[in-house]
Amino acid sequence: MKRREFMRTAGGSAAAATAVAAGSGTAAAQEEEPDWGGFLDGIDGGYEDARGQDEVTVEVGASGNDGNLAYSPAGLWIDPGTTVVFEWTGQGGEHNVVARSGPADLDSELLEAEGETYEHTFEEEGITEYVCTPHENLGMVGAVAVGDVDTVEVTAGGGAWPENMADIGVPLQKHFLGIITFLAIGMSLVFTFYVLKYGESPNTGRGQ
């Protein structure tokens, strides 16, 4: 391979890798989510932005927290006047919905049978934190944000590897983008050093 061809190839590879890194950075977009103040950290059940809906269902006894000990979604953002229907799955034993803090007065009975429900219409803005009293220590907690609340920016998809391995790469965290960029620069430097030190390949003719 001629020196010029080699340099063009190296430059193209580095540029392509950098472009991939830049594109991946765009894919890792920032989204706005209510500031739960750490209450939902490490809690199973997920989060849903349900603003614009008049009624939303939360599963009680959903899979999570090493058993059927989760609310799903555990984090919920709604508009004032939205009715939330807490529906029991029939799994994980007796559960209830009891407010720990916030404007909403949640206080259901202990229920167990599948299909039983407890409804509450959230009128006041703010964040209400609630728990299942028998399983609070096992992580069965949830929160409902209503209307205009404090928010934080989070990486789309939570910044973690997706459950579906076919989706790996989107989104990517910043440190992965940095690694890709440094690898691209390193490849370019290695190629350049090789060409400068050894010149053209001994297997290539020199008459051209």
N, C-alpha and C. Protein backbone atom coordinates (compact mmCIF):
# COMPACT_ATOMS: atom_id res chain seq x y z
N MET A 1 0.84 -1.19 0.00
CA MET A 1 0.00 0.00 0.00
C MET A 1 0.88 1.24 0.00
N LYS A 2 0.58 2.21 -0.87
CA LYS A 2 1.35 3.44 -0.93
C LYS A 2 1.12 4.28 0.31
N ARG A 3 2.10 5.14 0.60
CA ARG A 3 2.03 5.97 1.80
C ARG A 3 0.78 6.86 1.77
N ARG A 4 0.50 7.48 0.64
CA ARG A 4 -0.66 8.37 0.55
C ARG A 4 -1.97 7.60 0.75
N GLU A 5 -2.02 6.41 0.13
CA GLU A 5 -3.22 5.60 0.28
C GLU A 5 -3.42 5.20 1.74
N PHE A 6 -2.31 4.85 2.38
CA PHE A 6 -2.38 4.42 3.78
C PHE A 6 -2.88 5.58 4.66
N MET A 7 -2.35 6.78 4.41
CA MET A 7 -2.75 7.94 5.20
C MET A 7 -4.23 8.27 4.97
N ARG A 8 -4.67 8.14 3.72
CA ARG A 8 -6.07 8.41 3.45
C ARG A 8 -6.97 7.41 4.18
N THR A 9 -6.54 6.13 4.18
CA THR A 9 -7.31 5.10 4.87
C THR A 9 -7.37 5.36 6.36
N ALA A 10 -6.22 5.71 6.95
CA ALA A 10 -6.17 5.98 8.39
C ALA A 10 -7.03 7.17 8.74
N GLY A 11 -6.92 8.23 7.93
CA GLY A 11 -7.71 9.42 8.20
C GLY A 11 -9.20 9.15 8.09
N GLY A 12 -9.57 8.35 7.08
CA GLY A 12 -10.98 8.02 6.91
C GLY A 12 -11.53 7.21 8.07
N SER A 13 -10.73 6.26 8.57
CA SER A 13 -11.17 5.43 9.69
C SER A 13 -11.38 6.28 10.93
N ALA A 14 -10.43 7.18 11.20
CA ALA A 14 -10.54 8.04 12.38
C ALA A 14 -11.75 8.95 12.27
N ALA A 15 -11.96 9.51 11.08
CA ALA A 15 -13.10 10.41 10.90
C ALA A 15 -14.42 9.66 11.08
N ALA A 16 -14.48 8.44 10.56
CA ALA A 16 -15.71 7.65 10.69
C ALA A 16 -16.00 7.32 12.14
N ALA A 17 -14.96 6.93 12.88
CA ALA A 17 -15.16 6.61 14.30
C ALA A 17 -15.60 7.83 15.08
N THR A 18 -15.00 8.99 14.76
CA THR A 18 -15.40 10.21 15.45
C THR A 18 -16.83 10.57 15.14
N ALA A 19 -17.24 10.35 13.88
CA ALA A 19 -18.62 10.64 13.50
C ALA A 19 -19.60 9.75 14.26
N VAL A 20 -19.22 8.47 14.42
CA VAL A 20 -20.07 7.55 15.19
C VAL A 20 -20.22 8.04 16.62
N ALA A 21 -19.10 8.47 17.21
CA ALA A 21 -19.14 8.97 18.59
C ALA A 21 -20.03 10.19 18.68
N ALA A 22 -19.91 11.10 17.72
CA ALA A 22 -20.72 12.31 17.75
C ALA A 22 -22.19 11.97 17.59
N GLY A 23 -22.50 11.04 16.67
CA GLY A 23 -23.88 10.64 16.47
C GLY A 23 -24.46 9.98 17.69
N SER A 24 -23.66 9.14 18.35
CA SER A 24 -24.13 8.46 19.55
C SER A 24 -24.40 9.47 20.65
N GLY A 25 -23.59 10.52 20.73
CA GLY A 25 -23.80 11.55 21.74
C GLY A 25 -25.14 12.23 21.54
N THR A 26 -25.53 12.43 20.29
CA THR A 26 -26.82 13.03 20.02
C THR A 26 -27.94 12.11 20.45
N ALA A 27 -27.73 10.78 20.25
CA ALA A 27 -28.77 9.82 20.60
C ALA A 27 -29.01 9.77 22.10
N ALA A 28 -27.94 10.03 22.89
CA ALA A 28 -28.07 9.99 24.34
C ALA A 28 -28.66 11.31 24.82
N ALA A 29 -29.89 11.60 24.40
CA ALA A 29 -30.53 12.88 24.69
C ALA A 29 -30.91 12.96 26.17
N GLN A 30 -31.07 14.20 26.62
CA GLN A 30 -31.47 14.44 28.00
C GLN A 30 -32.98 14.62 28.06
N GLU A 31 -33.61 14.01 29.06
CA GLU A 31 -35.04 14.15 29.26
C GLU A 31 -35.30 14.71 30.65
N GLU A 32 -36.45 15.35 30.80
CA GLU A 32 -36.84 15.95 32.06
C GLU A 32 -37.71 14.98 32.85
N GLU A 33 -37.43 14.87 34.14
CA GLU A 33 -38.18 13.96 35.01
C GLU A 33 -38.34 14.63 36.37
N PRO A 34 -39.44 14.38 37.07
CA PRO A 34 -39.59 14.97 38.41
C PRO A 34 -38.42 14.62 39.31
N ASP A 35 -38.07 15.56 40.18
CA ASP A 35 -37.00 15.32 41.15
C ASP A 35 -37.59 14.58 42.34
N TRP A 36 -37.32 13.29 42.40
CA TRP A 36 -37.89 12.46 43.46
C TRP A 36 -37.11 12.58 44.76
N GLY A 37 -36.03 13.32 44.77
CA GLY A 37 -35.25 13.53 45.99
C GLY A 37 -34.61 12.27 46.52
N GLY A 38 -34.36 11.30 45.65
CA GLY A 38 -33.73 10.05 46.07
C GLY A 38 -34.70 9.01 46.58
N PHE A 39 -35.99 9.35 46.65
CA PHE A 39 -36.96 8.41 47.23
C PHE A 39 -37.11 7.15 46.39
N LEU A 40 -36.95 7.26 45.08
CA LEU A 40 -37.12 6.11 44.20
C LEU A 40 -35.80 5.50 43.75
N ASP A 41 -34.70 5.93 44.32
CA ASP A 41 -33.39 5.39 43.93
C ASP A 41 -33.33 3.88 44.20
N GLY A 42 -32.99 3.10 43.18
CA GLY A 42 -32.84 1.66 43.34
C GLY A 42 -34.15 0.90 43.43
N ILE A 43 -35.26 1.59 43.19
CA ILE A 43 -36.58 0.96 43.31
C ILE A 43 -37.04 0.45 41.95
N ASP A 44 -37.57 -0.77 41.91
CA ASP A 44 -38.12 -1.33 40.68
C ASP A 44 -39.51 -0.75 40.41
N GLY A 45 -39.92 -0.86 39.16
CA GLY A 45 -41.27 -0.42 38.79
C GLY A 45 -41.29 0.59 37.66
N GLY A 46 -40.16 1.30 37.46
CA GLY A 46 -40.08 2.21 36.33
C GLY A 46 -40.78 3.53 36.57
N TYR A 47 -40.78 4.34 35.50
CA TYR A 47 -41.34 5.70 35.55
C TYR A 47 -42.18 5.93 34.30
N GLU A 48 -43.27 6.70 34.45
CA GLU A 48 -44.12 7.02 33.31
C GLU A 48 -44.55 8.48 33.38
N ASP A 49 -44.39 9.17 32.25
CA ASP A 49 -44.91 10.53 32.10
C ASP A 49 -46.30 10.39 31.50
N ALA A 50 -47.32 10.54 32.34
CA ALA A 50 -48.70 10.33 31.89
C ALA A 50 -49.47 11.64 31.82
N ARG A 51 -48.77 12.75 31.70
CA ARG A 51 -49.45 14.03 31.55
C ARG A 51 -50.27 14.02 30.26
N GLY A 52 -51.45 14.63 30.34
CA GLY A 52 -52.34 14.61 29.20
C GLY A 52 -53.39 13.51 29.26
N GLN A 53 -53.25 12.61 30.22
CA GLN A 53 -54.23 11.53 30.38
C GLN A 53 -55.17 11.85 31.55
N ASP A 54 -56.42 11.47 31.40
CA ASP A 54 -57.42 11.71 32.45
C ASP A 54 -57.39 10.63 33.52
N GLU A 55 -56.96 9.43 33.14
CA GLU A 55 -56.94 8.31 34.09
C GLU A 55 -55.73 7.44 33.81
N VAL A 56 -55.06 7.02 34.88
CA VAL A 56 -53.86 6.20 34.76
C VAL A 56 -53.96 5.05 35.75
N THR A 57 -53.49 3.87 35.34
CA THR A 57 -53.51 2.69 36.21
C THR A 57 -52.11 2.38 36.73
N VAL A 58 -52.01 2.11 38.02
CA VAL A 58 -50.77 1.67 38.65
C VAL A 58 -50.99 0.27 39.18
N GLU A 59 -50.15 -0.67 38.75
CA GLU A 59 -50.27 -2.04 39.26
C GLU A 59 -49.71 -2.12 40.68
N VAL A 60 -50.44 -2.81 41.53
CA VAL A 60 -50.01 -3.01 42.92
C VAL A 60 -49.69 -4.50 43.09
N GLY A 61 -48.41 -4.79 43.36
CA GLY A 61 -47.96 -6.17 43.42
C GLY A 61 -47.36 -6.60 42.10
N ALA A 62 -46.76 -5.63 41.39
CA ALA A 62 -46.09 -5.95 40.12
C ALA A 62 -44.75 -6.62 40.40
N SER A 63 -44.18 -7.24 39.38
CA SER A 63 -42.90 -7.91 39.54
C SER A 63 -41.80 -6.89 39.82
N GLY A 64 -40.99 -7.18 40.84
CA GLY A 64 -39.89 -6.29 41.18
C GLY A 64 -39.49 -6.43 42.63
N ASN A 65 -38.31 -5.88 42.97
CA ASN A 65 -37.80 -5.90 44.34
C ASN A 65 -37.74 -7.33 44.89
N ASP A 66 -37.21 -8.25 44.05
CA ASP A 66 -37.04 -9.65 44.43
C ASP A 66 -38.36 -10.34 44.76
N GLY A 67 -39.37 -10.03 44.00
CA GLY A 67 -40.67 -10.67 44.19
C GLY A 67 -41.72 -9.82 43.52
N ASN A 68 -42.99 -10.08 43.83
CA ASN A 68 -44.07 -9.23 43.33
C ASN A 68 -44.33 -8.13 44.36
N LEU A 69 -43.30 -7.30 44.51
CA LEU A 69 -43.31 -6.30 45.58
C LEU A 69 -43.00 -4.92 45.03
N ALA A 70 -43.70 -4.55 43.96
CA ALA A 70 -43.46 -3.25 43.34
C ALA A 70 -44.77 -2.64 42.90
N TYR A 71 -44.74 -1.31 42.78
CA TYR A 71 -45.79 -0.58 42.08
C TYR A 71 -45.28 -0.35 40.65
N SER A 72 -46.15 -0.44 39.69
CA SER A 72 -45.73 -0.22 38.30
C SER A 72 -46.74 0.67 37.57
N PRO A 73 -46.33 1.89 37.20
CA PRO A 73 -45.01 2.49 37.42
C PRO A 73 -44.85 2.98 38.86
N ALA A 74 -43.62 2.91 39.35
CA ALA A 74 -43.34 3.40 40.69
C ALA A 74 -43.31 4.92 40.72
N GLY A 75 -42.82 5.53 39.63
CA GLY A 75 -42.81 6.98 39.50
C GLY A 75 -43.80 7.39 38.44
N LEU A 76 -44.65 8.37 38.75
CA LEU A 76 -45.72 8.77 37.83
C LEU A 76 -45.83 10.29 37.83
N TRP A 77 -45.91 10.88 36.62
CA TRP A 77 -46.08 12.33 36.49
C TRP A 77 -47.39 12.58 35.76
N ILE A 78 -48.31 13.32 36.41
CA ILE A 78 -49.64 13.53 35.86
C ILE A 78 -50.04 15.00 35.98
N ASP A 79 -51.15 15.34 35.34
CA ASP A 79 -51.72 16.68 35.45
C ASP A 79 -52.68 16.73 36.63
N PRO A 80 -52.91 17.94 37.19
CA PRO A 80 -53.95 18.07 38.22
C PRO A 80 -55.30 17.63 37.69
N GLY A 81 -56.07 16.93 38.51
CA GLY A 81 -57.37 16.43 38.10
C GLY A 81 -57.36 15.03 37.53
N THR A 82 -56.17 14.43 37.42
CA THR A 82 -56.06 13.07 36.89
C THR A 82 -56.40 12.05 37.97
N THR A 83 -57.16 11.02 37.59
CA THR A 83 -57.49 9.94 38.51
C THR A 83 -56.51 8.79 38.33
N VAL A 84 -55.93 8.35 39.44
CA VAL A 84 -55.03 7.20 39.40
C VAL A 84 -55.76 6.01 40.01
N VAL A 85 -55.81 4.92 39.23
CA VAL A 85 -56.45 3.69 39.69
C VAL A 85 -55.35 2.71 40.09
N PHE A 86 -55.24 2.43 41.37
CA PHE A 86 -54.30 1.44 41.87
C PHE A 86 -54.99 0.08 41.79
N GLU A 87 -54.46 -0.82 40.98
CA GLU A 87 -55.11 -2.12 40.73
C GLU A 87 -54.23 -3.26 41.21
N TRP A 88 -54.77 -4.10 42.05
CA TRP A 88 -54.02 -5.22 42.62
C TRP A 88 -53.86 -6.34 41.60
N THR A 89 -52.67 -6.92 41.58
CA THR A 89 -52.39 -8.03 40.65
C THR A 89 -52.74 -9.38 41.25
N GLY A 90 -52.92 -9.43 42.56
CA GLY A 90 -53.17 -10.70 43.23
C GLY A 90 -51.89 -11.44 43.58
N GLN A 91 -50.74 -10.78 43.37
CA GLN A 91 -49.44 -11.41 43.63
C GLN A 91 -48.72 -10.72 44.78
N GLY A 92 -47.93 -11.49 45.52
CA GLY A 92 -47.06 -10.91 46.54
C GLY A 92 -47.69 -10.70 47.90
N GLY A 93 -48.90 -11.22 48.10
CA GLY A 93 -49.54 -11.08 49.41
C GLY A 93 -50.39 -9.82 49.50
N GLU A 94 -50.69 -9.40 50.71
CA GLU A 94 -51.53 -8.22 50.93
C GLU A 94 -50.70 -6.94 50.76
N HIS A 95 -51.27 -5.99 50.03
CA HIS A 95 -50.61 -4.70 49.82
C HIS A 95 -51.61 -3.58 50.11
N ASN A 96 -51.05 -2.40 50.37
CA ASN A 96 -51.89 -1.22 50.47
C ASN A 96 -51.16 -0.02 49.87
N VAL A 97 -51.82 1.11 49.88
CA VAL A 97 -51.26 2.35 49.35
C VAL A 97 -51.46 3.42 50.41
N VAL A 98 -50.37 3.83 51.07
CA VAL A 98 -50.46 4.77 52.18
C VAL A 98 -49.44 5.89 51.97
N ALA A 99 -49.93 7.14 52.00
CA ALA A 99 -49.05 8.29 51.79
C ALA A 99 -48.09 8.46 52.95
N ARG A 100 -46.83 8.81 52.60
CA ARG A 100 -45.83 9.12 53.61
C ARG A 100 -45.57 10.63 53.67
N SER A 101 -45.71 11.30 52.53
CA SER A 101 -45.54 12.75 52.49
C SER A 101 -46.19 13.28 51.23
N GLY A 102 -46.47 14.60 51.22
CA GLY A 102 -47.05 15.22 50.04
C GLY A 102 -48.50 15.61 50.23
N PRO A 103 -49.07 16.28 49.24
CA PRO A 103 -50.42 16.84 49.39
C PRO A 103 -51.57 15.83 49.33
N ALA A 104 -51.37 14.67 48.68
CA ALA A 104 -52.48 13.72 48.50
C ALA A 104 -52.63 12.82 49.73
N ASP A 105 -53.87 12.60 50.11
CA ASP A 105 -54.18 11.75 51.27
C ASP A 105 -54.51 10.34 50.77
N LEU A 106 -53.47 9.52 50.60
CA LEU A 106 -53.65 8.14 50.14
C LEU A 106 -53.69 7.23 51.35
N ASP A 107 -54.74 6.43 51.44
CA ASP A 107 -54.86 5.53 52.59
C ASP A 107 -55.83 4.40 52.25
N SER A 108 -55.32 3.39 51.54
CA SER A 108 -56.18 2.27 51.16
C SER A 108 -56.14 1.18 52.22
N GLU A 109 -57.08 0.24 52.13
CA GLU A 109 -57.06 -0.94 52.98
C GLU A 109 -56.01 -1.92 52.46
N LEU A 110 -55.67 -2.89 53.29
CA LEU A 110 -54.85 -4.00 52.84
C LEU A 110 -55.70 -4.90 51.95
N LEU A 111 -55.27 -5.06 50.71
CA LEU A 111 -56.02 -5.87 49.75
C LEU A 111 -55.10 -6.91 49.14
N GLU A 112 -55.67 -7.96 48.60
CA GLU A 112 -54.86 -9.04 48.04
C GLU A 112 -55.41 -9.59 46.74
N ALA A 113 -56.71 -9.63 46.58
CA ALA A 113 -57.32 -10.30 45.43
C ALA A 113 -57.04 -9.56 44.13
N GLU A 114 -56.81 -10.31 43.08
CA GLU A 114 -56.57 -9.74 41.76
C GLU A 114 -57.80 -8.94 41.29
N GLY A 115 -57.53 -7.76 40.76
CA GLY A 115 -58.61 -6.94 40.22
C GLY A 115 -59.19 -5.94 41.20
N GLU A 116 -58.88 -6.05 42.49
CA GLU A 116 -59.36 -5.05 43.45
C GLU A 116 -58.68 -3.72 43.17
N THR A 117 -59.38 -2.63 43.40
CA THR A 117 -58.84 -1.32 43.06
C THR A 117 -59.04 -0.31 44.18
N TYR A 118 -58.21 0.73 44.11
CA TYR A 118 -58.33 1.90 44.98
C TYR A 118 -58.05 3.11 44.10
N GLU A 119 -58.96 4.09 44.10
CA GLU A 119 -58.82 5.24 43.21
C GLU A 119 -58.62 6.53 43.99
N HIS A 120 -57.85 7.42 43.38
CA HIS A 120 -57.68 8.75 43.97
C HIS A 120 -57.50 9.76 42.85
N THR A 121 -58.20 10.88 42.93
CA THR A 121 -58.04 11.97 41.97
C THR A 121 -57.12 13.02 42.58
N PHE A 122 -56.01 13.26 41.91
CA PHE A 122 -54.99 14.17 42.41
C PHE A 122 -55.28 15.59 41.91
N GLU A 123 -55.64 16.47 42.83
CA GLU A 123 -56.00 17.84 42.48
C GLU A 123 -54.86 18.84 42.73
N GLU A 124 -54.14 18.65 43.82
CA GLU A 124 -53.10 19.61 44.21
C GLU A 124 -51.76 19.27 43.57
N GLU A 125 -51.04 20.33 43.18
CA GLU A 125 -49.71 20.12 42.61
C GLU A 125 -48.72 19.75 43.71
N GLY A 126 -47.71 18.99 43.32
CA GLY A 126 -46.68 18.56 44.26
C GLY A 126 -46.38 17.08 44.09
N ILE A 127 -45.49 16.58 44.90
CA ILE A 127 -45.11 15.16 44.84
C ILE A 127 -45.57 14.45 46.10
N THR A 128 -46.35 13.39 45.90
CA THR A 128 -46.79 12.56 47.02
C THR A 128 -46.03 11.25 47.01
N GLU A 129 -45.36 10.97 48.12
CA GLU A 129 -44.64 9.70 48.28
C GLU A 129 -45.54 8.73 49.05
N TYR A 130 -45.61 7.49 48.57
CA TYR A 130 -46.47 6.51 49.23
C TYR A 130 -45.76 5.16 49.34
N VAL A 131 -46.28 4.29 50.19
CA VAL A 131 -45.64 3.00 50.45
C VAL A 131 -46.70 1.92 50.63
N CYS A 132 -46.23 0.67 50.54
CA CYS A 132 -47.01 -0.48 51.01
C CYS A 132 -46.47 -0.76 52.40
N THR A 133 -47.28 -0.55 53.42
CA THR A 133 -46.75 -0.64 54.79
C THR A 133 -46.17 -2.01 55.14
N PRO A 134 -46.74 -3.16 54.69
CA PRO A 134 -46.11 -4.43 55.03
C PRO A 134 -44.77 -4.66 54.32
N HIS A 135 -44.56 -3.99 53.16
CA HIS A 135 -43.37 -4.28 52.35
C HIS A 135 -42.51 -3.05 52.08
N GLU A 136 -42.70 -2.03 52.88
CA GLU A 136 -41.93 -0.79 52.68
C GLU A 136 -40.43 -1.04 52.77
N ASN A 137 -40.01 -1.85 53.73
CA ASN A 137 -38.58 -2.12 53.93
C ASN A 137 -38.00 -2.98 52.81
N LEU A 138 -38.86 -3.58 52.00
CA LEU A 138 -38.40 -4.40 50.88
C LEU A 138 -38.37 -3.61 49.57
N GLY A 139 -38.69 -2.32 49.65
CA GLY A 139 -38.60 -1.46 48.48
C GLY A 139 -39.90 -1.21 47.76
N MET A 140 -41.03 -1.58 48.37
CA MET A 140 -42.31 -1.34 47.70
C MET A 140 -42.81 0.05 48.05
N VAL A 141 -42.31 1.01 47.27
CA VAL A 141 -42.67 2.41 47.45
C VAL A 141 -42.94 3.02 46.08
N GLY A 142 -43.63 4.16 46.08
CA GLY A 142 -43.93 4.85 44.83
C GLY A 142 -44.12 6.32 45.08
N ALA A 143 -44.25 7.08 43.99
CA ALA A 143 -44.45 8.52 44.10
C ALA A 143 -45.22 9.02 42.90
N VAL A 144 -46.08 10.01 43.15
CA VAL A 144 -46.86 10.63 42.09
C VAL A 144 -46.55 12.12 42.08
N ALA A 145 -46.07 12.62 40.94
CA ALA A 145 -45.81 14.05 40.77
C ALA A 145 -46.98 14.65 40.01
N VAL A 146 -47.50 15.76 40.51
CA VAL A 146 -48.67 16.38 39.91
C VAL A 146 -48.33 17.80 39.47
N GLY A 147 -48.53 18.08 38.18
CA GLY A 147 -48.39 19.43 37.68
C GLY A 147 -46.97 19.94 37.66
N ASP A 148 -46.81 21.20 38.05
CA ASP A 148 -45.53 21.90 38.00
C ASP A 148 -44.70 21.56 39.23
N VAL A 149 -43.71 20.71 39.06
CA VAL A 149 -42.85 20.28 40.17
C VAL A 149 -41.39 20.49 39.78
N ASP A 150 -40.49 20.43 40.76
CA ASP A 150 -39.07 20.51 40.48
C ASP A 150 -38.66 19.30 39.64
N THR A 151 -37.78 19.54 38.68
CA THR A 151 -37.36 18.47 37.78
C THR A 151 -35.85 18.36 37.71
N VAL A 152 -35.38 17.24 37.17
CA VAL A 152 -33.97 17.01 36.91
C VAL A 152 -33.85 16.46 35.50
N GLU A 153 -32.67 16.61 34.90
CA GLU A 153 -32.42 16.05 33.58
C GLU A 153 -31.78 14.68 33.73
N VAL A 154 -32.29 13.72 33.01
CA VAL A 154 -31.76 12.37 33.05
C VAL A 154 -31.51 11.91 31.63
N THR A 155 -30.53 11.00 31.46
CA THR A 155 -30.26 10.45 30.14
C THR A 155 -31.39 9.53 29.72
N ALA A 156 -31.82 9.69 28.49
CA ALA A 156 -32.92 8.87 27.97
C ALA A 156 -32.59 7.40 28.16
N GLY A 157 -33.55 6.64 28.72
CA GLY A 157 -33.32 5.24 28.98
C GLY A 157 -32.57 5.01 30.26
N GLY A 158 -32.37 6.11 31.08
CA GLY A 158 -31.72 5.95 32.35
C GLY A 158 -30.25 5.85 32.30
N GLY A 159 -29.64 5.91 31.03
CA GLY A 159 -28.20 5.84 30.88
C GLY A 159 -27.63 4.46 31.07
N ALA A 160 -28.46 3.43 31.17
CA ALA A 160 -27.97 2.07 31.39
C ALA A 160 -28.07 1.28 30.10
N TRP A 161 -27.43 0.11 30.07
CA TRP A 161 -27.55 -0.75 28.90
C TRP A 161 -28.98 -1.23 28.77
N PRO A 162 -29.57 -1.24 27.57
CA PRO A 162 -30.95 -1.67 27.38
C PRO A 162 -31.11 -3.15 27.66
N GLU A 163 -32.35 -3.53 28.04
CA GLU A 163 -32.61 -4.93 28.29
C GLU A 163 -32.47 -5.75 27.01
N ASN A 164 -32.86 -5.20 25.87
CA ASN A 164 -32.73 -5.88 24.60
C ASN A 164 -31.32 -5.64 24.07
N MET A 165 -30.50 -6.70 24.02
CA MET A 165 -29.10 -6.53 23.63
C MET A 165 -28.96 -6.02 22.21
N ALA A 166 -29.99 -6.17 21.39
CA ALA A 166 -29.92 -5.66 20.02
C ALA A 166 -29.91 -4.14 19.99
N ASP A 167 -30.31 -3.52 21.11
CA ASP A 167 -30.37 -2.06 21.15
C ASP A 167 -29.13 -1.44 21.76
N ILE A 168 -28.10 -2.23 22.06
CA ILE A 168 -26.90 -1.69 22.68
C ILE A 168 -26.30 -0.61 21.80
N GLY A 169 -25.87 0.46 22.42
CA GLY A 169 -25.26 1.56 21.68
C GLY A 169 -26.13 2.80 21.68
N VAL A 170 -27.41 2.67 21.94
CA VAL A 170 -28.30 3.82 22.03
C VAL A 170 -29.22 3.60 23.21
N PRO A 171 -29.13 4.42 24.27
CA PRO A 171 -28.19 5.52 24.38
C PRO A 171 -26.84 5.08 24.92
N LEU A 172 -25.83 5.90 24.71
CA LEU A 172 -24.51 5.66 25.27
C LEU A 172 -24.20 6.75 26.29
N GLN A 173 -23.52 6.39 27.35
CA GLN A 173 -23.12 7.37 28.32
C GLN A 173 -21.89 8.12 27.83
N LYS A 174 -21.60 9.25 28.46
CA LYS A 174 -20.53 10.11 28.00
C LYS A 174 -19.18 9.42 28.02
N HIS A 175 -18.92 8.57 29.03
CA HIS A 175 -17.60 7.95 29.09
C HIS A 175 -17.39 6.96 27.95
N PHE A 176 -18.48 6.34 27.46
CA PHE A 176 -18.33 5.46 26.30
C PHE A 176 -17.97 6.28 25.06
N LEU A 177 -18.56 7.46 24.92
CA LEU A 177 -18.24 8.31 23.79
C LEU A 177 -16.79 8.75 23.84
N GLY A 178 -16.31 9.05 25.07
CA GLY A 178 -14.91 9.45 25.21
C GLY A 178 -13.96 8.33 24.81
N ILE A 179 -14.30 7.10 25.20
CA ILE A 179 -13.46 5.96 24.85
C ILE A 179 -13.39 5.78 23.35
N ILE A 180 -14.54 5.90 22.68
CA ILE A 180 -14.57 5.75 21.21
C ILE A 180 -13.71 6.82 20.55
N THR A 181 -13.82 8.06 21.06
CA THR A 181 -13.05 9.16 20.47
C THR A 181 -11.56 8.93 20.63
N PHE A 182 -11.13 8.52 21.84
CA PHE A 182 -9.71 8.28 22.08
C PHE A 182 -9.19 7.12 21.25
N LEU A 183 -10.00 6.09 21.07
CA LEU A 183 -9.59 4.98 20.22
C LEU A 183 -9.38 5.44 18.78
N ALA A 184 -10.28 6.33 18.31
CA ALA A 184 -10.15 6.84 16.94
C ALA A 184 -8.85 7.62 16.78
N ILE A 185 -8.56 8.47 17.78
CA ILE A 185 -7.31 9.24 17.73
C ILE A 185 -6.10 8.32 17.79
N GLY A 186 -6.17 7.31 18.67
CA GLY A 186 -5.06 6.36 18.81
C GLY A 186 -4.80 5.60 17.53
N MET A 187 -5.86 5.17 16.84
CA MET A 187 -5.70 4.46 15.58
C MET A 187 -4.98 5.33 14.55
N SER A 188 -5.37 6.59 14.50
CA SER A 188 -4.75 7.51 13.55
C SER A 188 -3.26 7.68 13.83
N LEU A 189 -2.90 7.82 15.13
CA LEU A 189 -1.50 7.99 15.50
C LEU A 189 -0.67 6.74 15.19
N VAL A 190 -1.23 5.57 15.46
CA VAL A 190 -0.51 4.32 15.17
C VAL A 190 -0.26 4.17 13.68
N PHE A 191 -1.27 4.43 12.87
CA PHE A 191 -1.10 4.33 11.43
C PHE A 191 -0.06 5.30 10.92
N THR A 192 -0.11 6.53 11.45
CA THR A 192 0.85 7.54 11.01
C THR A 192 2.28 7.13 11.38
N PHE A 193 2.47 6.64 12.61
CA PHE A 193 3.80 6.20 13.06
C PHE A 193 4.33 5.08 12.18
N TYR A 194 3.47 4.12 11.84
CA TYR A 194 3.88 2.98 11.01
C TYR A 194 4.38 3.45 9.65
N VAL A 195 3.61 4.36 9.04
CA VAL A 195 3.98 4.82 7.71
C VAL A 195 5.28 5.63 7.74
N LEU A 196 5.41 6.50 8.75
CA LEU A 196 6.61 7.33 8.83
C LEU A 196 7.86 6.49 9.11
N LYS A 197 7.72 5.43 9.88
CA LYS A 197 8.88 4.63 10.24
C LYS A 197 9.26 3.62 9.17
N TYR A 198 8.25 2.96 8.59
CA TYR A 198 8.53 1.86 7.67
C TYR A 198 8.28 2.21 6.20
N GLY A 199 7.61 3.30 5.97
CA GLY A 199 7.34 3.69 4.59
C GLY A 199 6.37 2.73 3.94
N GLU A 200 6.53 2.50 2.64
CA GLU A 200 5.61 1.65 1.91
C GLU A 200 5.83 0.18 2.27
N SER A 201 4.80 -0.62 2.06
CA SER A 201 4.88 -2.05 2.33
C SER A 201 5.89 -2.69 1.41
N PRO A 202 6.74 -3.61 1.89
CA PRO A 202 7.72 -4.30 1.04
C PRO A 202 7.06 -5.15 -0.02
N ASN A 203 5.76 -5.41 0.12
CA ASN A 203 5.05 -6.23 -0.87
C ASN A 203 4.46 -5.41 -2.00
N THR A 204 4.66 -4.09 -1.94
CA THR A 204 4.09 -3.21 -2.94
C THR A 204 5.18 -2.70 -3.87
N GLY A 205 4.93 -2.65 -5.13
CA GLY A 205 5.93 -2.15 -6.06
C GLY A 205 6.26 -0.70 -5.81
N ARG A 206 7.49 -0.30 -6.15
CA ARG A 206 7.94 1.05 -5.87
C ARG A 206 8.01 1.92 -7.11
N GLY A 207 7.57 1.39 -8.20
CA GLY A 207 7.73 2.14 -9.44
C GLY A 207 6.57 3.06 -9.75
N GLN A 208 5.52 3.08 -8.94
CA GLN A 208 4.34 3.86 -9.24
C GLN A 208 4.38 5.20 -8.53
